[in-house]
Amino acid sequence: MDDASDPDDDIRLVWHPLLGEYLVQSPGRMQRREGMADCPFCADLTSGRVPPGTRAWIRPNDFPALRPPVGECYVLIYSAEHDRTFADLRADEALQVIGLWQDMHAELAPRYACVMSWETSGAEIGQTQPHPHGQTYGVAVVPPLLARELGVSSCVERTGWLSCHSTPATRMRCTSTRADM
């Protein structure tokens, strides 16, 4: 890659033959604004990017790991208050965030095989902005770990057993309850 190329142009899924799965190459993420004094999420409010009084909002990830058609990456800010985590939200605020998750899923699911949402929390996992937020990715392929989890969940749902691969003598009956959505 020469110096004139845009690292965002190089975002791609690459098949790893030894692992038998796709990996993401995204060199543009190395340009993230780590350790900045100014919070870009708070700037959404002060700049007018989101209307006054907005409590939670979605924004495109400024440094996405994926771009269409491979995927799309969004950030969901839980609160206009810089230090409020999801756990700190009142019930009505949490429901608003859940509604935004549902909106993102409805928007991305028709275009991508997999839509994932999660909370980003802590420098240990690579969080570069201290303002509490989550991420939602639409991805063209279902990641292998998620595919295995879905397979086990389907088995548990179908059989009521925690493991579909053990012998009847060693199986543990699933006793947990689940809330119907």
N, C-alpha and C. Protein backbone atom coordinates (compact mmCIF):
# COMPACT_ATOMS: atom_id res chain seq x y z
N MET A 1 0.86 -1.19 0.00
CA MET A 1 0.00 0.00 0.00
C MET A 1 0.89 1.24 0.00
N ASP A 2 0.65 2.17 -0.93
CA ASP A 2 1.46 3.38 -0.94
C ASP A 2 0.85 4.43 -0.04
N ASP A 3 1.60 5.51 0.23
CA ASP A 3 1.16 6.54 1.17
C ASP A 3 -0.08 7.29 0.69
N ALA A 4 -0.37 7.28 -0.61
CA ALA A 4 -1.51 8.03 -1.14
C ALA A 4 -2.83 7.30 -0.98
N SER A 5 -2.78 6.00 -0.66
CA SER A 5 -4.03 5.24 -0.56
C SER A 5 -4.73 5.52 0.76
N ASP A 6 -6.03 5.39 0.74
CA ASP A 6 -6.86 5.58 1.92
C ASP A 6 -6.99 4.23 2.62
N PRO A 7 -6.59 4.13 3.92
CA PRO A 7 -6.68 2.83 4.59
C PRO A 7 -8.11 2.32 4.67
N ASP A 8 -9.12 3.20 4.64
CA ASP A 8 -10.50 2.74 4.65
C ASP A 8 -10.85 1.96 3.39
N ASP A 9 -10.12 2.21 2.29
CA ASP A 9 -10.37 1.48 1.05
C ASP A 9 -9.93 0.03 1.17
N ASP A 10 -9.11 -0.29 2.16
CA ASP A 10 -8.56 -1.63 2.30
C ASP A 10 -9.35 -2.51 3.26
N ILE A 11 -10.49 -2.06 3.78
CA ILE A 11 -11.30 -2.88 4.67
C ILE A 11 -11.84 -4.08 3.89
N ARG A 12 -11.60 -5.27 4.44
CA ARG A 12 -12.08 -6.46 3.74
C ARG A 12 -12.13 -7.67 4.68
N LEU A 13 -12.93 -8.64 4.28
CA LEU A 13 -12.93 -9.94 4.92
C LEU A 13 -11.93 -10.82 4.18
N VAL A 14 -11.10 -11.52 4.93
CA VAL A 14 -10.09 -12.39 4.35
C VAL A 14 -10.30 -13.79 4.91
N TRP A 15 -10.36 -14.79 4.03
CA TRP A 15 -10.52 -16.18 4.45
C TRP A 15 -9.20 -16.69 5.02
N HIS A 16 -9.25 -17.20 6.25
CA HIS A 16 -8.07 -17.79 6.88
C HIS A 16 -8.19 -19.31 6.75
N PRO A 17 -7.42 -19.94 5.86
CA PRO A 17 -7.61 -21.36 5.58
C PRO A 17 -7.29 -22.28 6.75
N LEU A 18 -6.39 -21.89 7.63
CA LEU A 18 -6.07 -22.76 8.77
C LEU A 18 -7.13 -22.69 9.86
N LEU A 19 -7.72 -21.53 10.05
CA LEU A 19 -8.79 -21.40 11.04
C LEU A 19 -10.14 -21.78 10.46
N GLY A 20 -10.27 -21.71 9.14
CA GLY A 20 -11.53 -22.03 8.50
C GLY A 20 -12.59 -20.97 8.76
N GLU A 21 -12.16 -19.71 8.82
CA GLU A 21 -13.11 -18.62 9.07
C GLU A 21 -12.60 -17.33 8.45
N TYR A 22 -13.51 -16.37 8.33
CA TYR A 22 -13.15 -15.06 7.82
C TYR A 22 -12.59 -14.20 8.94
N LEU A 23 -11.60 -13.38 8.61
CA LEU A 23 -11.05 -12.39 9.52
C LEU A 23 -11.19 -11.02 8.86
N VAL A 24 -11.31 -9.99 9.67
CA VAL A 24 -11.44 -8.63 9.15
C VAL A 24 -10.07 -7.97 9.12
N GLN A 25 -9.75 -7.35 7.99
CA GLN A 25 -8.59 -6.49 7.90
C GLN A 25 -9.12 -5.07 7.77
N SER A 26 -8.75 -4.21 8.71
CA SER A 26 -9.27 -2.85 8.76
C SER A 26 -8.18 -1.88 9.22
N PRO A 27 -7.22 -1.58 8.37
CA PRO A 27 -6.09 -0.75 8.80
C PRO A 27 -6.47 0.67 9.21
N GLY A 28 -7.59 1.20 8.74
CA GLY A 28 -8.00 2.55 9.08
C GLY A 28 -8.31 2.74 10.56
N ARG A 29 -8.62 1.64 11.27
CA ARG A 29 -8.94 1.74 12.69
C ARG A 29 -7.71 2.15 13.51
N MET A 30 -6.54 2.05 12.92
CA MET A 30 -5.32 2.46 13.63
C MET A 30 -5.24 3.97 13.79
N GLN A 31 -6.12 4.69 13.11
CA GLN A 31 -6.12 6.16 13.17
C GLN A 31 -7.11 6.71 14.20
N ARG A 32 -7.69 5.85 15.04
CA ARG A 32 -8.70 6.30 16.01
C ARG A 32 -8.12 7.35 16.95
N ARG A 33 -9.03 8.17 17.48
CA ARG A 33 -8.65 9.29 18.36
C ARG A 33 -8.58 8.82 19.82
N GLU A 34 -7.57 8.11 20.18
CA GLU A 34 -7.45 7.60 21.53
C GLU A 34 -6.91 8.68 22.47
N GLY A 35 -7.46 8.73 23.67
CA GLY A 35 -6.96 9.64 24.69
C GLY A 35 -7.24 11.11 24.44
N MET A 36 -8.21 11.42 23.62
CA MET A 36 -8.54 12.83 23.34
C MET A 36 -9.24 13.45 24.55
N ALA A 37 -8.99 14.72 24.77
CA ALA A 37 -9.67 15.43 25.84
C ALA A 37 -11.13 15.73 25.47
N ASP A 38 -11.39 15.96 24.19
CA ASP A 38 -12.73 16.27 23.73
C ASP A 38 -13.47 15.00 23.35
N CYS A 39 -14.67 14.84 23.90
CA CYS A 39 -15.48 13.66 23.62
C CYS A 39 -16.30 13.89 22.35
N PRO A 40 -16.14 13.04 21.32
CA PRO A 40 -16.91 13.24 20.10
C PRO A 40 -18.41 13.01 20.31
N PHE A 41 -18.79 12.23 21.31
CA PHE A 41 -20.20 11.98 21.56
C PHE A 41 -20.84 13.20 22.22
N CYS A 42 -20.15 13.82 23.17
CA CYS A 42 -20.65 15.07 23.76
C CYS A 42 -20.69 16.17 22.69
N ALA A 43 -19.73 16.13 21.76
CA ALA A 43 -19.71 17.12 20.68
C ALA A 43 -20.93 17.00 19.77
N ASP A 44 -21.52 15.80 19.69
CA ASP A 44 -22.76 15.65 18.91
C ASP A 44 -23.82 16.60 19.43
N LEU A 45 -23.86 16.79 20.74
CA LEU A 45 -24.86 17.67 21.36
C LEU A 45 -24.48 19.14 21.19
N THR A 46 -23.23 19.47 21.46
CA THR A 46 -22.82 20.88 21.41
C THR A 46 -22.75 21.42 19.99
N SER A 47 -22.52 20.54 19.01
CA SER A 47 -22.41 20.98 17.62
C SER A 47 -23.76 21.04 16.92
N GLY A 48 -24.79 20.48 17.55
CA GLY A 48 -26.10 20.44 16.92
C GLY A 48 -26.30 19.22 16.03
N ARG A 49 -25.36 18.29 16.02
CA ARG A 49 -25.52 17.07 15.22
C ARG A 49 -26.76 16.30 15.64
N VAL A 50 -27.06 16.33 16.95
CA VAL A 50 -28.32 15.77 17.45
C VAL A 50 -29.07 16.91 18.14
N PRO A 51 -30.40 16.88 18.09
CA PRO A 51 -31.19 17.99 18.64
C PRO A 51 -31.03 18.14 20.15
N PRO A 52 -31.22 19.37 20.65
CA PRO A 52 -31.20 19.58 22.10
C PRO A 52 -32.25 18.69 22.77
N GLY A 53 -31.91 18.19 23.94
CA GLY A 53 -32.83 17.34 24.68
C GLY A 53 -32.75 15.87 24.32
N THR A 54 -31.92 15.52 23.32
CA THR A 54 -31.76 14.12 22.95
C THR A 54 -31.13 13.37 24.11
N ARG A 55 -31.71 12.22 24.46
CA ARG A 55 -31.20 11.44 25.59
C ARG A 55 -30.31 10.29 25.13
N ALA A 56 -30.60 9.68 24.02
CA ALA A 56 -29.81 8.57 23.47
C ALA A 56 -29.89 8.67 21.96
N TRP A 57 -28.81 8.26 21.28
CA TRP A 57 -28.81 8.38 19.83
C TRP A 57 -27.83 7.39 19.21
N ILE A 58 -27.99 7.25 17.89
CA ILE A 58 -27.14 6.38 17.08
C ILE A 58 -26.32 7.27 16.16
N ARG A 59 -25.07 6.89 15.97
CA ARG A 59 -24.22 7.60 15.01
C ARG A 59 -23.36 6.57 14.28
N PRO A 60 -23.01 6.84 13.04
CA PRO A 60 -22.08 5.94 12.35
C PRO A 60 -20.75 5.92 13.10
N ASN A 61 -20.10 4.78 13.10
CA ASN A 61 -18.78 4.68 13.70
C ASN A 61 -17.80 5.46 12.83
N ASP A 62 -17.06 6.39 13.44
CA ASP A 62 -16.10 7.20 12.68
C ASP A 62 -14.94 6.38 12.13
N PHE A 63 -14.68 5.24 12.75
CA PHE A 63 -13.58 4.38 12.32
C PHE A 63 -14.10 2.94 12.22
N PRO A 64 -14.97 2.69 11.23
CA PRO A 64 -15.63 1.38 11.16
C PRO A 64 -14.66 0.26 10.82
N ALA A 65 -14.92 -0.89 11.44
CA ALA A 65 -14.15 -2.09 11.12
C ALA A 65 -14.58 -2.65 9.77
N LEU A 66 -15.81 -2.36 9.36
CA LEU A 66 -16.38 -2.89 8.13
C LEU A 66 -17.11 -1.79 7.37
N ARG A 67 -17.18 -1.94 6.06
CA ARG A 67 -17.96 -1.04 5.20
C ARG A 67 -18.77 -1.90 4.24
N PRO A 68 -19.91 -1.34 3.74
CA PRO A 68 -20.71 -2.11 2.77
C PRO A 68 -19.84 -2.50 1.58
N PRO A 69 -20.05 -3.65 1.02
CA PRO A 69 -21.09 -4.63 1.30
C PRO A 69 -20.71 -5.66 2.37
N VAL A 70 -19.51 -5.54 2.93
CA VAL A 70 -19.04 -6.50 3.93
C VAL A 70 -19.77 -6.31 5.27
N GLY A 71 -20.06 -5.06 5.62
CA GLY A 71 -20.75 -4.79 6.87
C GLY A 71 -20.90 -3.31 7.12
N GLU A 72 -21.57 -2.98 8.22
CA GLU A 72 -21.75 -1.59 8.65
C GLU A 72 -21.59 -1.55 10.16
N CYS A 73 -21.06 -0.41 10.65
CA CYS A 73 -20.77 -0.27 12.08
C CYS A 73 -21.38 1.03 12.61
N TYR A 74 -22.10 0.91 13.71
CA TYR A 74 -22.75 2.06 14.34
C TYR A 74 -22.43 2.09 15.83
N VAL A 75 -22.49 3.29 16.39
CA VAL A 75 -22.30 3.51 17.83
C VAL A 75 -23.63 3.98 18.39
N LEU A 76 -24.02 3.43 19.52
CA LEU A 76 -25.24 3.85 20.20
C LEU A 76 -24.83 4.48 21.54
N ILE A 77 -25.11 5.77 21.68
CA ILE A 77 -24.78 6.48 22.91
C ILE A 77 -25.98 6.40 23.83
N TYR A 78 -25.76 5.88 25.04
CA TYR A 78 -26.84 5.60 25.99
C TYR A 78 -27.42 6.85 26.64
N SER A 79 -26.59 7.86 26.83
CA SER A 79 -27.04 9.02 27.59
C SER A 79 -26.23 10.25 27.18
N ALA A 80 -26.88 11.41 27.24
CA ALA A 80 -26.17 12.66 26.97
C ALA A 80 -25.19 12.97 28.11
N GLU A 81 -25.42 12.39 29.27
CA GLU A 81 -24.53 12.60 30.40
C GLU A 81 -23.28 11.74 30.22
N HIS A 82 -22.14 12.36 30.29
CA HIS A 82 -20.86 11.74 29.92
C HIS A 82 -20.49 10.50 30.73
N ASP A 83 -20.97 10.37 31.95
CA ASP A 83 -20.52 9.27 32.81
C ASP A 83 -21.59 8.23 33.11
N ARG A 84 -22.77 8.29 32.47
CA ARG A 84 -23.84 7.33 32.78
C ARG A 84 -23.72 6.09 31.93
N THR A 85 -23.61 4.95 32.60
CA THR A 85 -23.56 3.67 31.92
C THR A 85 -24.98 3.16 31.69
N PHE A 86 -25.11 2.08 30.94
CA PHE A 86 -26.43 1.48 30.72
C PHE A 86 -27.05 1.09 32.05
N ALA A 87 -26.25 0.56 32.97
CA ALA A 87 -26.76 0.14 34.28
C ALA A 87 -27.28 1.31 35.10
N ASP A 88 -26.83 2.53 34.81
CA ASP A 88 -27.27 3.72 35.54
C ASP A 88 -28.59 4.29 35.03
N LEU A 89 -29.08 3.80 33.90
CA LEU A 89 -30.28 4.37 33.29
C LEU A 89 -31.53 3.98 34.07
N ARG A 90 -32.50 4.89 34.08
CA ARG A 90 -33.83 4.56 34.61
C ARG A 90 -34.51 3.63 33.61
N ALA A 91 -35.58 2.99 34.02
CA ALA A 91 -36.27 2.02 33.17
C ALA A 91 -36.71 2.65 31.84
N ASP A 92 -37.28 3.86 31.88
CA ASP A 92 -37.73 4.49 30.63
C ASP A 92 -36.56 4.82 29.70
N GLU A 93 -35.40 5.18 30.27
CA GLU A 93 -34.23 5.45 29.45
C GLU A 93 -33.67 4.16 28.85
N ALA A 94 -33.65 3.09 29.64
CA ALA A 94 -33.18 1.80 29.13
C ALA A 94 -34.09 1.31 28.00
N LEU A 95 -35.40 1.52 28.15
CA LEU A 95 -36.33 1.12 27.10
C LEU A 95 -36.09 1.91 25.81
N GLN A 96 -35.71 3.17 25.94
CA GLN A 96 -35.40 3.96 24.74
C GLN A 96 -34.17 3.37 24.03
N VAL A 97 -33.16 2.99 24.80
CA VAL A 97 -31.96 2.38 24.21
C VAL A 97 -32.32 1.06 23.54
N ILE A 98 -33.13 0.25 24.20
CA ILE A 98 -33.56 -1.03 23.62
C ILE A 98 -34.31 -0.78 22.31
N GLY A 99 -35.13 0.26 22.28
CA GLY A 99 -35.82 0.63 21.05
C GLY A 99 -34.86 0.99 19.93
N LEU A 100 -33.78 1.69 20.27
CA LEU A 100 -32.77 2.03 19.27
C LEU A 100 -32.06 0.77 18.76
N TRP A 101 -31.78 -0.18 19.67
CA TRP A 101 -31.20 -1.47 19.25
C TRP A 101 -32.14 -2.14 18.24
N GLN A 102 -33.43 -2.16 18.57
CA GLN A 102 -34.40 -2.79 17.68
C GLN A 102 -34.46 -2.08 16.34
N ASP A 103 -34.40 -0.75 16.34
CA ASP A 103 -34.39 0.01 15.10
C ASP A 103 -33.18 -0.36 14.24
N MET A 104 -32.02 -0.46 14.87
CA MET A 104 -30.81 -0.81 14.13
C MET A 104 -30.91 -2.22 13.55
N HIS A 105 -31.45 -3.14 14.34
CA HIS A 105 -31.61 -4.51 13.84
C HIS A 105 -32.55 -4.52 12.64
N ALA A 106 -33.67 -3.81 12.74
CA ALA A 106 -34.63 -3.77 11.64
C ALA A 106 -34.02 -3.15 10.39
N GLU A 107 -33.14 -2.18 10.56
CA GLU A 107 -32.51 -1.54 9.41
C GLU A 107 -31.45 -2.43 8.77
N LEU A 108 -30.65 -3.12 9.58
CA LEU A 108 -29.51 -3.88 9.05
C LEU A 108 -29.85 -5.31 8.65
N ALA A 109 -30.80 -5.95 9.32
CA ALA A 109 -31.09 -7.37 9.09
C ALA A 109 -31.46 -7.69 7.63
N PRO A 110 -32.16 -6.83 6.90
CA PRO A 110 -32.45 -7.19 5.50
C PRO A 110 -31.20 -7.23 4.61
N ARG A 111 -30.12 -6.58 5.03
CA ARG A 111 -28.91 -6.49 4.19
C ARG A 111 -27.78 -7.41 4.63
N TYR A 112 -27.83 -7.90 5.88
CA TYR A 112 -26.69 -8.65 6.40
C TYR A 112 -27.13 -9.95 7.06
N ALA A 113 -26.27 -10.96 6.97
CA ALA A 113 -26.55 -12.28 7.55
C ALA A 113 -26.57 -12.24 9.07
N CYS A 114 -25.89 -11.28 9.66
CA CYS A 114 -25.75 -11.23 11.11
C CYS A 114 -25.79 -9.77 11.58
N VAL A 115 -26.56 -9.50 12.63
CA VAL A 115 -26.57 -8.19 13.27
C VAL A 115 -26.27 -8.42 14.74
N MET A 116 -25.22 -7.76 15.24
CA MET A 116 -24.79 -7.94 16.63
C MET A 116 -24.75 -6.58 17.32
N SER A 117 -25.24 -6.54 18.56
CA SER A 117 -25.13 -5.34 19.40
C SER A 117 -24.47 -5.74 20.71
N TRP A 118 -23.62 -4.88 21.22
CA TRP A 118 -22.96 -5.14 22.49
C TRP A 118 -22.54 -3.83 23.13
N GLU A 119 -22.24 -3.90 24.41
CA GLU A 119 -21.76 -2.72 25.13
C GLU A 119 -20.25 -2.69 25.04
N THR A 120 -19.73 -1.51 24.80
CA THR A 120 -18.29 -1.30 24.76
C THR A 120 -17.91 -0.67 26.10
N SER A 121 -17.08 -1.37 26.86
CA SER A 121 -16.77 -0.87 28.20
C SER A 121 -15.37 -1.27 28.61
N GLY A 122 -14.50 -0.29 28.72
CA GLY A 122 -13.17 -0.54 29.25
C GLY A 122 -12.06 -0.55 28.21
N ALA A 123 -10.96 0.03 28.60
CA ALA A 123 -9.78 0.08 27.73
C ALA A 123 -9.25 -1.32 27.44
N GLU A 124 -9.50 -2.27 28.35
CA GLU A 124 -8.99 -3.62 28.18
C GLU A 124 -9.52 -4.27 26.91
N ILE A 125 -10.72 -3.90 26.49
CA ILE A 125 -11.27 -4.48 25.27
C ILE A 125 -11.14 -3.55 24.06
N GLY A 126 -10.44 -2.46 24.25
CA GLY A 126 -10.18 -1.57 23.13
C GLY A 126 -11.05 -0.34 23.06
N GLN A 127 -11.81 -0.06 24.11
CA GLN A 127 -12.65 1.15 24.11
C GLN A 127 -11.74 2.37 24.08
N THR A 128 -11.99 3.26 23.12
CA THR A 128 -11.16 4.46 23.00
C THR A 128 -11.87 5.72 23.49
N GLN A 129 -13.16 5.65 23.75
CA GLN A 129 -13.92 6.79 24.24
C GLN A 129 -14.53 6.43 25.60
N PRO A 130 -14.27 7.22 26.63
CA PRO A 130 -14.80 6.88 27.95
C PRO A 130 -16.30 7.10 28.10
N HIS A 131 -16.92 7.87 27.21
CA HIS A 131 -18.36 8.10 27.28
C HIS A 131 -19.06 6.75 27.04
N PRO A 132 -19.86 6.25 28.00
CA PRO A 132 -20.47 4.92 27.83
C PRO A 132 -21.29 4.83 26.54
N HIS A 133 -21.08 3.72 25.83
CA HIS A 133 -21.75 3.51 24.56
C HIS A 133 -21.72 2.03 24.19
N GLY A 134 -22.51 1.69 23.19
CA GLY A 134 -22.52 0.34 22.65
C GLY A 134 -22.24 0.39 21.17
N GLN A 135 -22.14 -0.77 20.57
CA GLN A 135 -21.87 -0.88 19.15
C GLN A 135 -22.90 -1.81 18.53
N THR A 136 -23.24 -1.56 17.29
CA THR A 136 -24.05 -2.49 16.50
C THR A 136 -23.36 -2.65 15.16
N TYR A 137 -23.12 -3.91 14.80
CA TYR A 137 -22.51 -4.24 13.52
C TYR A 137 -23.48 -5.10 12.72
N GLY A 138 -23.63 -4.78 11.45
CA GLY A 138 -24.24 -5.68 10.49
C GLY A 138 -23.09 -6.32 9.73
N VAL A 139 -23.08 -7.65 9.62
CA VAL A 139 -21.94 -8.36 9.04
C VAL A 139 -22.45 -9.33 7.97
N ALA A 140 -21.71 -9.42 6.87
CA ALA A 140 -22.12 -10.25 5.73
C ALA A 140 -22.06 -11.74 6.02
N VAL A 141 -21.27 -12.16 7.00
CA VAL A 141 -21.17 -13.58 7.36
C VAL A 141 -21.45 -13.74 8.85
N VAL A 142 -21.98 -14.90 9.23
CA VAL A 142 -22.19 -15.18 10.65
C VAL A 142 -20.86 -15.67 11.22
N PRO A 143 -20.31 -14.98 12.23
CA PRO A 143 -19.05 -15.43 12.82
C PRO A 143 -19.17 -16.86 13.38
N PRO A 144 -18.12 -17.67 13.24
CA PRO A 144 -18.19 -19.07 13.66
C PRO A 144 -18.60 -19.26 15.12
N LEU A 145 -18.09 -18.45 16.03
CA LEU A 145 -18.46 -18.60 17.44
C LEU A 145 -19.96 -18.37 17.63
N LEU A 146 -20.50 -17.34 16.98
CA LEU A 146 -21.93 -17.08 17.08
C LEU A 146 -22.74 -18.21 16.44
N ALA A 147 -22.26 -18.75 15.34
CA ALA A 147 -22.96 -19.87 14.70
C ALA A 147 -23.03 -21.07 15.64
N ARG A 148 -21.92 -21.34 16.35
CA ARG A 148 -21.93 -22.46 17.32
C ARG A 148 -22.90 -22.17 18.46
N GLU A 149 -22.90 -20.93 18.98
CA GLU A 149 -23.82 -20.58 20.07
C GLU A 149 -25.27 -20.73 19.62
N LEU A 150 -25.57 -20.30 18.40
CA LEU A 150 -26.93 -20.44 17.88
C LEU A 150 -27.32 -21.90 17.75
N GLY A 151 -26.38 -22.74 17.32
CA GLY A 151 -26.65 -24.17 17.21
C GLY A 151 -26.96 -24.79 18.56
N VAL A 152 -26.19 -24.44 19.58
CA VAL A 152 -26.44 -24.97 20.93
C VAL A 152 -27.77 -24.44 21.46
N SER A 153 -28.05 -23.17 21.25
CA SER A 153 -29.32 -22.60 21.71
C SER A 153 -30.50 -23.33 21.07
N SER A 154 -30.38 -23.61 19.78
CA SER A 154 -31.44 -24.33 19.08
C SER A 154 -31.62 -25.72 19.66
N CYS A 155 -30.52 -26.38 19.96
CA CYS A 155 -30.56 -27.72 20.55
C CYS A 155 -31.22 -27.69 21.92
N VAL A 156 -30.85 -26.72 22.75
CA VAL A 156 -31.44 -26.60 24.09
C VAL A 156 -32.93 -26.33 23.98
N GLU A 157 -33.30 -25.46 23.07
CA GLU A 157 -34.71 -25.13 22.87
C GLU A 157 -35.50 -26.37 22.44
N ARG A 158 -34.92 -27.12 21.55
CA ARG A 158 -35.58 -28.30 21.00
C ARG A 158 -35.66 -29.45 22.01
N THR A 159 -34.57 -29.67 22.77
CA THR A 159 -34.49 -30.86 23.62
C THR A 159 -34.66 -30.60 25.10
N GLY A 160 -34.39 -29.37 25.54
CA GLY A 160 -34.41 -29.08 26.97
C GLY A 160 -33.15 -29.52 27.69
N TRP A 161 -32.16 -30.00 26.94
CA TRP A 161 -30.89 -30.44 27.53
C TRP A 161 -29.84 -29.37 27.32
N LEU A 162 -28.94 -29.19 28.29
CA LEU A 162 -27.87 -28.20 28.16
C LEU A 162 -26.82 -28.60 27.13
N SER A 163 -26.69 -29.88 26.86
CA SER A 163 -25.71 -30.33 25.88
C SER A 163 -26.34 -31.35 24.95
N CYS A 164 -26.17 -31.15 23.67
CA CYS A 164 -26.68 -32.11 22.69
C CYS A 164 -25.61 -33.14 22.33
N HIS A 165 -24.42 -33.02 22.91
CA HIS A 165 -23.32 -33.89 22.51
C HIS A 165 -22.92 -34.89 23.60
N SER A 166 -23.49 -34.78 24.78
CA SER A 166 -23.12 -35.71 25.85
C SER A 166 -24.05 -36.92 25.83
N THR A 167 -23.69 -37.91 26.58
CA THR A 167 -24.52 -39.11 26.67
C THR A 167 -25.71 -38.83 27.58
N PRO A 168 -26.78 -39.59 27.47
CA PRO A 168 -27.95 -39.36 28.33
C PRO A 168 -27.60 -39.41 29.82
N ALA A 169 -26.63 -40.22 30.20
CA ALA A 169 -26.27 -40.34 31.62
C ALA A 169 -25.59 -39.09 32.15
N THR A 170 -24.93 -38.33 31.28
CA THR A 170 -24.19 -37.15 31.75
C THR A 170 -24.86 -35.84 31.40
N ARG A 171 -25.98 -35.88 30.72
CA ARG A 171 -26.67 -34.65 30.35
C ARG A 171 -27.25 -33.95 31.56
N MET A 172 -27.21 -32.64 31.53
CA MET A 172 -27.84 -31.85 32.58
C MET A 172 -29.13 -31.28 32.04
N ARG A 173 -30.21 -31.48 32.75
CA ARG A 173 -31.49 -30.94 32.34
C ARG A 173 -31.46 -29.42 32.48
N CYS A 174 -31.95 -28.74 31.49
CA CYS A 174 -31.99 -27.28 31.53
C CYS A 174 -33.11 -26.85 32.48
N THR A 175 -32.72 -26.21 33.58
CA THR A 175 -33.72 -25.82 34.56
C THR A 175 -33.95 -24.32 34.60
N SER A 176 -33.15 -23.59 33.84
CA SER A 176 -33.34 -22.14 33.87
C SER A 176 -34.61 -21.78 33.11
N THR A 177 -35.18 -20.66 33.49
CA THR A 177 -36.36 -20.15 32.79
C THR A 177 -35.94 -19.04 31.87
N ARG A 178 -36.70 -18.81 30.86
CA ARG A 178 -36.39 -17.71 29.95
C ARG A 178 -37.64 -16.86 29.78
N ALA A 179 -37.41 -15.61 29.57
CA ALA A 179 -38.53 -14.71 29.34
C ALA A 179 -38.91 -14.75 27.86
N ASP A 180 -40.15 -14.90 27.58
CA ASP A 180 -40.61 -14.86 26.19
C ASP A 180 -40.64 -13.43 25.73
N MET A 181 -39.99 -13.19 24.61
CA MET A 181 -39.91 -11.83 24.07
C MET A 181 -41.10 -11.55 23.19
